[in-house]
Amino acid sequence: MAQHDRDVHSIDEKRLRMAEEGLHSSPAAPVPARAGLANPAPLGLLCFGMTTVMLMFIDAGWSEDPAIIAVMCYACFYGGFGQMVAGVFELIKGNTFAGTAFFSYGAFWMAFFTNNVLTRNAAAAVASMPGATPAFFGSSHFHVGATLIYCLWGLFTFCFFVPTLRKNGCLMTIFGSLTITFFLLAGAQWSKRVTTAAGYVGLFCGASAIYTAFAEIWHENLGILAPGLRPVRCI
């Protein structure tokens, strides 16, 4: 048991030393994983990034609207459930920031899936009733509510952006662009042009998350410290 504790302590020291030293002229050695404890961050980042990019294909106008049905499936199982699993493991590791973020955004995708299912079911049910109007459509108050919800998520994300100023450039980019995306989605309730703008910013945000996930995988398995992973201290 004492030998195992010394090995774990040695691995943690090596991880910290490599993060502080950054890139050198010679390639760094791969960082060994702690026995029995994997890094759930790449999983959570990929779940978030891949699903975000899929949805933003539609908002940016790159894909037809009916593709939302396929996106909903990924939102439920990959963006939602997968991210929540990553969040639970981050909390088990003691990482409050990553655990709270992954679980929260995973729940967001699950709510997105549920909302779309309820909306479409209501529309389909009322379609067979002549003269009836679905409860989820035809009311300006729904646009107001959606605007307020997206603004709230934008503020929520900005609060996560602030701690990234002491983490690394990759996380700063993800949470910074996601904050902008949420506020644009709020404005998109009233303008199609803003929807397109939100789509492009969201594509950048999702791609940034995918890049960060693979950057962490490359660092852990190949010892490559990709641009943006170097620790920063802006505040």
C-alpha atoms as a PDB file:
ATOM      1  CA  MET A   1       0.000   0.000   0.000  1.00  0.00           C
ATOM      2  CA  ALA A   2       2.828   2.399   0.868  1.00  0.00           C
ATOM      3  CA  GLN A   3       4.532   1.648  -2.475  1.00  0.00           C
ATOM      4  CA  HIS A   4       1.239   2.362  -4.330  1.00  0.00           C
ATOM      5  CA  ASP A   5       0.872   5.716  -2.528  1.00  0.00           C
ATOM      6  CA  ARG A   6       4.428   6.669  -3.519  1.00  0.00           C
ATOM      7  CA  ASP A   7       3.728   5.739  -7.166  1.00  0.00           C
ATOM      8  CA  VAL A   8       0.541   7.836  -7.257  1.00  0.00           C
ATOM      9  CA  HIS A   9       2.370  10.784  -5.655  1.00  0.00           C
ATOM     10  CA  SER A  10       5.175  10.462  -8.217  1.00  0.00           C
ATOM     11  CA  ILE A  11       2.698  10.481 -11.126  1.00  0.00           C
ATOM     12  CA  ASP A  12       0.967  13.597  -9.770  1.00  0.00           C
ATOM     13  CA  GLU A  13       4.313  15.369  -9.405  1.00  0.00           C
ATOM     14  CA  LYS A  14       5.215  14.490 -13.008  1.00  0.00           C
ATOM     15  CA  ARG A  15       1.888  15.836 -14.308  1.00  0.00           C
ATOM     16  CA  LEU A  16       2.348  19.116 -12.412  1.00  0.00           C
ATOM     17  CA  ARG A  17       5.971  19.497 -13.519  1.00  0.00           C
ATOM     18  CA  MET A  18       5.108  18.980 -17.205  1.00  0.00           C
ATOM     19  CA  ALA A  19       2.238  21.482 -17.025  1.00  0.00           C
ATOM     20  CA  GLU A  20       4.472  24.141 -15.443  1.00  0.00           C
ATOM     21  CA  GLU A  21       7.436  23.646 -17.748  1.00  0.00           C
ATOM     22  CA  GLY A  22       5.370  23.694 -21.008  1.00  0.00           C
ATOM     23  CA  LEU A  23       6.996  22.914 -24.354  1.00  0.00           C
ATOM     24  CA  HIS A  24      10.705  22.274 -24.674  1.00  0.00           C
ATOM     25  CA  SER A  25      12.960  21.822 -27.640  1.00  0.00           C
ATOM     26  CA  SER A  26      12.694  18.048 -27.366  1.00  0.00           C
ATOM     27  CA  PRO A  27       9.369  16.151 -27.384  1.00  0.00           C
ATOM     28  CA  ALA A  28       7.922  15.451 -23.957  1.00  0.00           C
ATOM     29  CA  ALA A  29       7.370  11.922 -22.757  1.00  0.00           C
ATOM     30  CA  PRO A  30       3.796  10.612 -22.509  1.00  0.00           C
ATOM     31  CA  VAL A  31       2.121  11.279 -19.169  1.00  0.00           C
ATOM     32  CA  PRO A  32       1.244   7.993 -17.450  1.00  0.00           C
ATOM     33  CA  ALA A  33      -2.358   7.682 -16.278  1.00  0.00           C
ATOM     34  CA  ARG A  34      -3.020   7.156 -12.590  1.00  0.00           C
ATOM     35  CA  ALA A  35      -3.840   3.523 -11.862  1.00  0.00           C
ATOM     36  CA  GLY A  36      -7.577   2.895 -11.910  1.00  0.00           C
ATOM     37  CA  LEU A  37      -8.538   6.532 -12.581  1.00  0.00           C
ATOM     38  CA  ALA A  38      -8.971   7.800 -16.156  1.00  0.00           C
ATOM     39  CA  ASN A  39      -9.423  11.390 -17.269  1.00  0.00           C
ATOM     40  CA  PRO A  40     -13.142  11.956 -18.069  1.00  0.00           C
ATOM     41  CA  ALA A  41     -12.608  15.466 -19.478  1.00  0.00           C
ATOM     42  CA  PRO A  42     -12.041  14.424 -23.137  1.00  0.00           C
ATOM     43  CA  LEU A  43     -15.277  12.408 -23.060  1.00  0.00           C
ATOM     44  CA  GLY A  44     -17.264  15.348 -21.734  1.00  0.00           C
ATOM     45  CA  LEU A  45     -15.680  17.779 -24.190  1.00  0.00           C
ATOM     46  CA  LEU A  46     -16.379  15.507 -27.166  1.00  0.00           C
ATOM     47  CA  CYS A  47     -19.983  14.937 -26.079  1.00  0.00           C
ATOM     48  CA  PHE A  48     -20.483  18.679 -25.839  1.00  0.00           C
ATOM     49  CA  GLY A  49     -18.493  19.650 -28.928  1.00  0.00           C
ATOM     50  CA  MET A  50     -19.835  17.046 -31.348  1.00  0.00           C
ATOM     51  CA  THR A  51     -23.485  17.662 -30.417  1.00  0.00           C
ATOM     52  CA  THR A  52     -23.052  21.437 -30.551  1.00  0.00           C
ATOM     53  CA  VAL A  53     -21.523  21.277 -34.025  1.00  0.00           C
ATOM     54  CA  MET A  54     -24.378  19.048 -35.241  1.00  0.00           C
ATOM     55  CA  LEU A  55     -27.010  21.516 -34.036  1.00  0.00           C
ATOM     56  CA  MET A  56     -25.151  24.529 -35.375  1.00  0.00           C
ATOM     57  CA  PHE A  57     -25.044  22.961 -38.845  1.00  0.00           C
ATOM     58  CA  ILE A  58     -28.780  23.706 -38.892  1.00  0.00           C
ATOM     59  CA  ASP A  59     -28.620  27.179 -37.312  1.00  0.00           C
ATOM     60  CA  ALA A  60     -25.844  28.243 -39.682  1.00  0.00           C
ATOM     61  CA  GLY A  61     -27.925  27.090 -42.634  1.00  0.00           C
ATOM     62  CA  TRP A  62     -25.567  24.311 -43.693  1.00  0.00           C
ATOM     63  CA  SER A  63     -28.173  21.586 -43.166  1.00  0.00           C
ATOM     64  CA  GLU A  64     -31.922  21.300 -43.697  1.00  0.00           C
ATOM     65  CA  ASP A  65     -34.230  21.823 -40.697  1.00  0.00           C
ATOM     66  CA  PRO A  66     -35.581  18.217 -40.576  1.00  0.00           C
ATOM     67  CA  ALA A  67     -32.063  17.120 -39.561  1.00  0.00           C
ATOM     68  CA  ILE A  68     -33.016  18.321 -36.078  1.00  0.00           C
ATOM     69  CA  ILE A  69     -34.598  14.893 -35.536  1.00  0.00           C
ATOM     70  CA  ALA A  70     -31.184  13.209 -35.814  1.00  0.00           C
ATOM     71  CA  VAL A  71     -29.599  15.938 -33.666  1.00  0.00           C
ATOM     72  CA  MET A  72     -32.193  15.293 -30.955  1.00  0.00           C
ATOM     73  CA  CYS A  73     -31.100  11.657 -30.729  1.00  0.00           C
ATOM     74  CA  TYR A  74     -27.459  12.653 -30.271  1.00  0.00           C
ATOM     75  CA  ALA A  75     -28.518  15.384 -27.827  1.00  0.00           C
ATOM     76  CA  CYS A  76     -30.191  12.801 -25.615  1.00  0.00           C
ATOM     77  CA  PHE A  77     -27.593  10.041 -25.539  1.00  0.00           C
ATOM     78  CA  TYR A  78     -24.262  11.672 -26.420  1.00  0.00           C
ATOM     79  CA  GLY A  79     -24.556  15.349 -25.546  1.00  0.00           C
ATOM     80  CA  GLY A  80     -26.832  14.689 -22.579  1.00  0.00           C
ATOM     81  CA  PHE A  81     -26.224  11.318 -20.960  1.00  0.00           C
ATOM     82  CA  GLY A  82     -22.549  11.099 -21.978  1.00  0.00           C
ATOM     83  CA  GLN A  83     -21.742  14.531 -20.580  1.00  0.00           C
ATOM     84  CA  MET A  84     -23.543  13.831 -17.334  1.00  0.00           C
ATOM     85  CA  VAL A  85     -21.527  10.635 -16.879  1.00  0.00           C
ATOM     86  CA  ALA A  86     -18.306  12.606 -17.431  1.00  0.00           C
ATOM     87  CA  GLY A  87     -19.529  15.175 -14.906  1.00  0.00           C
ATOM     88  CA  VAL A  88     -20.164  12.524 -12.261  1.00  0.00           C
ATOM     89  CA  PHE A  89     -16.648  11.114 -12.663  1.00  0.00           C
ATOM     90  CA  GLU A  90     -15.138  14.602 -12.488  1.00  0.00           C
ATOM     91  CA  LEU A  91     -16.996  15.183  -9.215  1.00  0.00           C
ATOM     92  CA  ILE A  92     -15.713  11.850  -7.911  1.00  0.00           C
ATOM     93  CA  LYS A  93     -12.185  13.028  -8.737  1.00  0.00           C
ATOM     94  CA  GLY A  94     -12.843  16.197  -6.750  1.00  0.00           C
ATOM     95  CA  ASN A  95     -12.900  18.536  -9.767  1.00  0.00           C
ATOM     96  CA  THR A  96     -15.804  20.843  -8.898  1.00  0.00           C
ATOM     97  CA  PHE A  97     -15.416  23.097 -11.954  1.00  0.00           C
ATOM     98  CA  ALA A  98     -15.428  20.355 -14.619  1.00  0.00           C
ATOM     99  CA  GLY A  99     -17.961  18.189 -12.778  1.00  0.00           C
ATOM    100  CA  THR A 100     -20.476  21.002 -12.397  1.00  0.00           C
ATOM    101  CA  ALA A 101     -19.989  22.198 -15.981  1.00  0.00           C
ATOM    102  CA  PHE A 102     -20.296  18.783 -17.638  1.00  0.00           C
ATOM    103  CA  PHE A 103     -23.307  17.727 -15.597  1.00  0.00           C
ATOM    104  CA  SER A 104     -25.073  21.070 -16.135  1.00  0.00           C
ATOM    105  CA  TYR A 105     -24.561  21.181 -19.899  1.00  0.00           C
ATOM    106  CA  GLY A 106     -25.442  17.498 -20.136  1.00  0.00           C
ATOM    107  CA  ALA A 107     -28.736  18.299 -18.396  1.00  0.00           C
ATOM    108  CA  PHE A 108     -29.193  21.185 -20.851  1.00  0.00           C
ATOM    109  CA  TRP A 109     -29.015  18.780 -23.793  1.00  0.00           C
ATOM    110  CA  MET A 110     -31.420  16.371 -22.124  1.00  0.00           C
ATOM    111  CA  ALA A 111     -33.846  19.260 -21.606  1.00  0.00           C
ATOM    112  CA  PHE A 112     -33.360  20.306 -25.237  1.00  0.00           C
ATOM    113  CA  PHE A 113     -34.309  16.797 -26.353  1.00  0.00           C
ATOM    114  CA  THR A 114     -37.352  16.649 -24.069  1.00  0.00           C
ATOM    115  CA  ASN A 115     -38.539  20.107 -25.103  1.00  0.00           C
ATOM    116  CA  ASN A 116     -38.371  19.214 -28.801  1.00  0.00           C
ATOM    117  CA  VAL A 117     -40.230  15.943 -28.257  1.00  0.00           C
ATOM    118  CA  LEU A 118     -43.016  17.649 -26.293  1.00  0.00           C
ATOM    119  CA  THR A 119     -43.260  20.488 -28.800  1.00  0.00           C
ATOM    120  CA  ARG A 120     -43.502  18.214 -31.827  1.00  0.00           C
ATOM    121  CA  ASN A 121     -45.945  15.845 -30.157  1.00  0.00           C
ATOM    122  CA  ALA A 122     -48.189  18.759 -29.212  1.00  0.00           C
ATOM    123  CA  ALA A 123     -48.036  20.124 -32.766  1.00  0.00           C
ATOM    124  CA  ALA A 124     -48.869  16.714 -34.230  1.00  0.00           C
ATOM    125  CA  ALA A 125     -51.796  16.214 -31.852  1.00  0.00           C
ATOM    126  CA  VAL A 126     -53.346  19.599 -32.575  1.00  0.00           C
ATOM    127  CA  ALA A 127     -52.794  19.280 -36.345  1.00  0.00           C
ATOM    128  CA  SER A 128     -55.751  16.913 -36.484  1.00  0.00           C
ATOM    129  CA  MET A 129     -58.012  19.507 -34.804  1.00  0.00           C
ATOM    130  CA  PRO A 130     -59.224  22.119 -37.332  1.00  0.00           C
ATOM    131  CA  GLY A 131     -58.834  25.690 -36.127  1.00  0.00           C
ATOM    132  CA  ALA A 132     -56.799  24.750 -33.035  1.00  0.00           C
ATOM    133  CA  THR A 133     -53.419  26.310 -32.213  1.00  0.00           C
ATOM    134  CA  PRO A 134     -50.637  24.296 -30.530  1.00  0.00           C
ATOM    135  CA  ALA A 135     -49.795  25.626 -27.088  1.00  0.00           C
ATOM    136  CA  PHE A 136     -46.117  25.832 -28.018  1.00  0.00           C
ATOM    137  CA  PHE A 137     -46.702  27.952 -31.133  1.00  0.00           C
ATOM    138  CA  GLY A 138     -48.451  31.138 -32.176  1.00  0.00           C
ATOM    139  CA  SER A 139     -47.680  33.102 -29.013  1.00  0.00           C
ATOM    140  CA  SER A 140     -45.140  35.890 -28.653  1.00  0.00           C
ATOM    141  CA  HIS A 141     -44.793  35.010 -24.969  1.00  0.00           C
ATOM    142  CA  PHE A 142     -43.000  31.798 -25.902  1.00  0.00           C
ATOM    143  CA  HIS A 143     -40.351  33.833 -27.746  1.00  0.00           C
ATOM    144  CA  VAL A 144     -39.961  36.029 -24.684  1.00  0.00           C
ATOM    145  CA  GLY A 145     -39.575  32.975 -22.461  1.00  0.00           C
ATOM    146  CA  ALA A 146     -37.005  31.360 -24.773  1.00  0.00           C
ATOM    147  CA  THR A 147     -35.084  34.645 -24.912  1.00  0.00           C
ATOM    148  CA  LEU A 148     -34.944  34.859 -21.122  1.00  0.00           C
ATOM    149  CA  ILE A 149     -33.857  31.221 -20.830  1.00  0.00           C
ATOM    150  CA  TYR A 150     -30.984  31.664 -23.294  1.00  0.00           C
ATOM    151  CA  CYS A 151     -29.915  34.888 -21.567  1.00  0.00           C
ATOM    152  CA  LEU A 152     -29.865  33.038 -18.243  1.00  0.00           C
ATOM    153  CA  TRP A 153     -27.679  30.308 -19.740  1.00  0.00           C
ATOM    154  CA  GLY A 154     -25.429  32.992 -21.210  1.00  0.00           C
ATOM    155  CA  LEU A 155     -24.936  34.522 -17.762  1.00  0.00           C
ATOM    156  CA  PHE A 156     -24.434  31.043 -16.292  1.00  0.00           C
ATOM    157  CA  THR A 157     -21.722  30.306 -18.871  1.00  0.00           C
ATOM    158  CA  PHE A 158     -19.990  33.649 -18.304  1.00  0.00           C
ATOM    159  CA  CYS A 159     -19.669  32.748 -14.624  1.00  0.00           C
ATOM    160  CA  PHE A 160     -17.811  29.611 -15.760  1.00  0.00           C
ATOM    161  CA  PHE A 161     -15.672  31.664 -18.143  1.00  0.00           C
ATOM    162  CA  VAL A 162     -14.172  33.721 -15.306  1.00  0.00           C
ATOM    163  CA  PRO A 163     -12.315  30.791 -13.626  1.00  0.00           C
ATOM    164  CA  THR A 164     -10.875  29.730 -16.997  1.00  0.00           C
ATOM    165  CA  LEU A 165      -8.736  32.900 -16.881  1.00  0.00           C
ATOM    166  CA  ARG A 166      -6.530  30.886 -14.519  1.00  0.00           C
ATOM    167  CA  LYS A 167      -6.703  27.605 -16.460  1.00  0.00           C
ATOM    168  CA  ASN A 168      -5.721  27.613 -20.144  1.00  0.00           C
ATOM    169  CA  GLY A 169      -6.474  29.211 -23.489  1.00  0.00           C
ATOM    170  CA  CYS A 170      -8.522  26.269 -24.736  1.00  0.00           C
ATOM    171  CA  LEU A 171     -11.061  26.513 -21.922  1.00  0.00           C
ATOM    172  CA  MET A 172     -11.136  30.299 -22.209  1.00  0.00           C
ATOM    173  CA  THR A 173     -12.027  29.957 -25.894  1.00  0.00           C
ATOM    174  CA  ILE A 174     -14.750  27.361 -25.276  1.00  0.00           C
ATOM    175  CA  PHE A 175     -16.565  29.202 -22.499  1.00  0.00           C
ATOM    176  CA  GLY A 176     -16.035  32.627 -24.034  1.00  0.00           C
ATOM    177  CA  SER A 177     -17.505  31.626 -27.400  1.00  0.00           C
ATOM    178  CA  LEU A 178     -20.291  29.648 -25.702  1.00  0.00           C
ATOM    179  CA  THR A 179     -21.306  32.739 -23.737  1.00  0.00           C
ATOM    180  CA  ILE A 180     -21.592  34.703 -26.976  1.00  0.00           C
ATOM    181  CA  THR A 181     -23.509  31.836 -28.604  1.00  0.00           C
ATOM    182  CA  PHE A 182     -26.172  31.775 -25.885  1.00  0.00           C
ATOM    183  CA  PHE A 183     -26.774  35.529 -26.105  1.00  0.00           C
ATOM    184  CA  LEU A 184     -26.988  35.263 -29.895  1.00  0.00           C
ATOM    185  CA  LEU A 185     -29.489  32.417 -29.538  1.00  0.00           C
ATOM    186  CA  ALA A 186     -31.539  34.738 -27.342  1.00  0.00           C
ATOM    187  CA  GLY A 187     -31.559  37.308 -30.128  1.00  0.00           C
ATOM    188  CA  ALA A 188     -32.249  34.577 -32.672  1.00  0.00           C
ATOM    189  CA  GLN A 189     -35.788  34.296 -31.277  1.00  0.00           C
ATOM    190  CA  TRP A 190     -36.516  37.542 -33.085  1.00  0.00           C
ATOM    191  CA  SER A 191     -34.228  37.518 -36.146  1.00  0.00           C
ATOM    192  CA  LYS A 192     -33.230  34.890 -38.692  1.00  0.00           C
ATOM    193  CA  ARG A 193     -29.948  36.691 -39.361  1.00  0.00           C
ATOM    194  CA  VAL A 194     -29.013  36.432 -35.695  1.00  0.00           C
ATOM    195  CA  THR A 195     -29.800  32.712 -35.878  1.00  0.00           C
ATOM    196  CA  THR A 196     -27.213  32.349 -38.639  1.00  0.00           C
ATOM    197  CA  ALA A 197     -24.661  34.336 -36.621  1.00  0.00           C
ATOM    198  CA  ALA A 198     -25.324  32.121 -33.598  1.00  0.00           C
ATOM    199  CA  GLY A 199     -24.796  29.082 -35.819  1.00  0.00           C
ATOM    200  CA  TYR A 200     -21.345  30.186 -36.935  1.00  0.00           C
ATOM    201  CA  VAL A 201     -20.187  31.196 -33.443  1.00  0.00           C
ATOM    202  CA  GLY A 202     -21.598  27.928 -32.100  1.00  0.00           C
ATOM    203  CA  LEU A 203     -19.705  25.979 -34.767  1.00  0.00           C
ATOM    204  CA  PHE A 204     -16.494  27.630 -33.608  1.00  0.00           C
ATOM    205  CA  CYS A 205     -17.335  26.852 -29.976  1.00  0.00           C
ATOM    206  CA  GLY A 206     -18.080  23.190 -30.680  1.00  0.00           C
ATOM    207  CA  ALA A 207     -14.953  22.810 -32.808  1.00  0.00           C
ATOM    208  CA  SER A 208     -12.911  24.357 -29.984  1.00  0.00           C
ATOM    209  CA  ALA A 209     -14.259  21.758 -27.552  1.00  0.00           C
ATOM    210  CA  ILE A 210     -13.415  18.923 -29.954  1.00  0.00           C
ATOM    211  CA  TYR A 211      -9.884  20.310 -30.409  1.00  0.00           C
ATOM    212  CA  THR A 212      -9.404  20.587 -26.639  1.00  0.00           C
ATOM    213  CA  ALA A 213     -10.555  16.994 -26.120  1.00  0.00           C
ATOM    214  CA  PHE A 214      -8.041  15.594 -28.584  1.00  0.00           C
ATOM    215  CA  ALA A 215      -5.339  17.964 -27.314  1.00  0.00           C
ATOM    216  CA  GLU A 216      -5.748  16.406 -23.863  1.00  0.00           C
ATOM    217  CA  ILE A 217      -5.716  12.893 -25.331  1.00  0.00           C
ATOM    218  CA  TRP A 218      -2.547  13.669 -27.312  1.00  0.00           C
ATOM    219  CA  HIS A 219      -0.900  15.162 -24.227  1.00  0.00           C
ATOM    220  CA  GLU A 220      -1.747  12.161 -22.072  1.00  0.00           C
ATOM    221  CA  ASN A 221      -0.775   9.499 -24.625  1.00  0.00           C
ATOM    222  CA  LEU A 222       1.945  11.156 -26.726  1.00  0.00           C
ATOM    223  CA  GLY A 223       3.339  13.849 -24.454  1.00  0.00           C
ATOM    224  CA  ILE A 224       2.425  16.558 -26.992  1.00  0.00           C
ATOM    225  CA  LEU A 225       1.448  19.866 -25.411  1.00  0.00           C
ATOM    226  CA  ALA A 226      -0.772  21.357 -28.112  1.00  0.00           C
ATOM    227  CA  PRO A 227      -1.275  25.132 -28.424  1.00  0.00           C
ATOM    228  CA  GLY A 228      -3.771  26.408 -25.883  1.00  0.00           C
ATOM    229  CA  LEU A 229      -3.124  23.838 -23.148  1.00  0.00           C
ATOM    230  CA  ARG A 230      -0.338  25.787 -21.479  1.00  0.00           C
ATOM    231  CA  PRO A 231      -1.523  27.030 -18.037  1.00  0.00           C
ATOM    232  CA  VAL A 232      -2.307  30.759 -17.890  1.00  0.00           C
ATOM    233  CA  ARG A 233      -2.993  33.257 -15.113  1.00  0.00           C
ATOM    234  CA  CYS A 234      -4.832  36.271 -16.520  1.00  0.00           C
ATOM    235  CA  ILE A 235      -6.314  37.394 -13.207  1.00  0.00           C
END
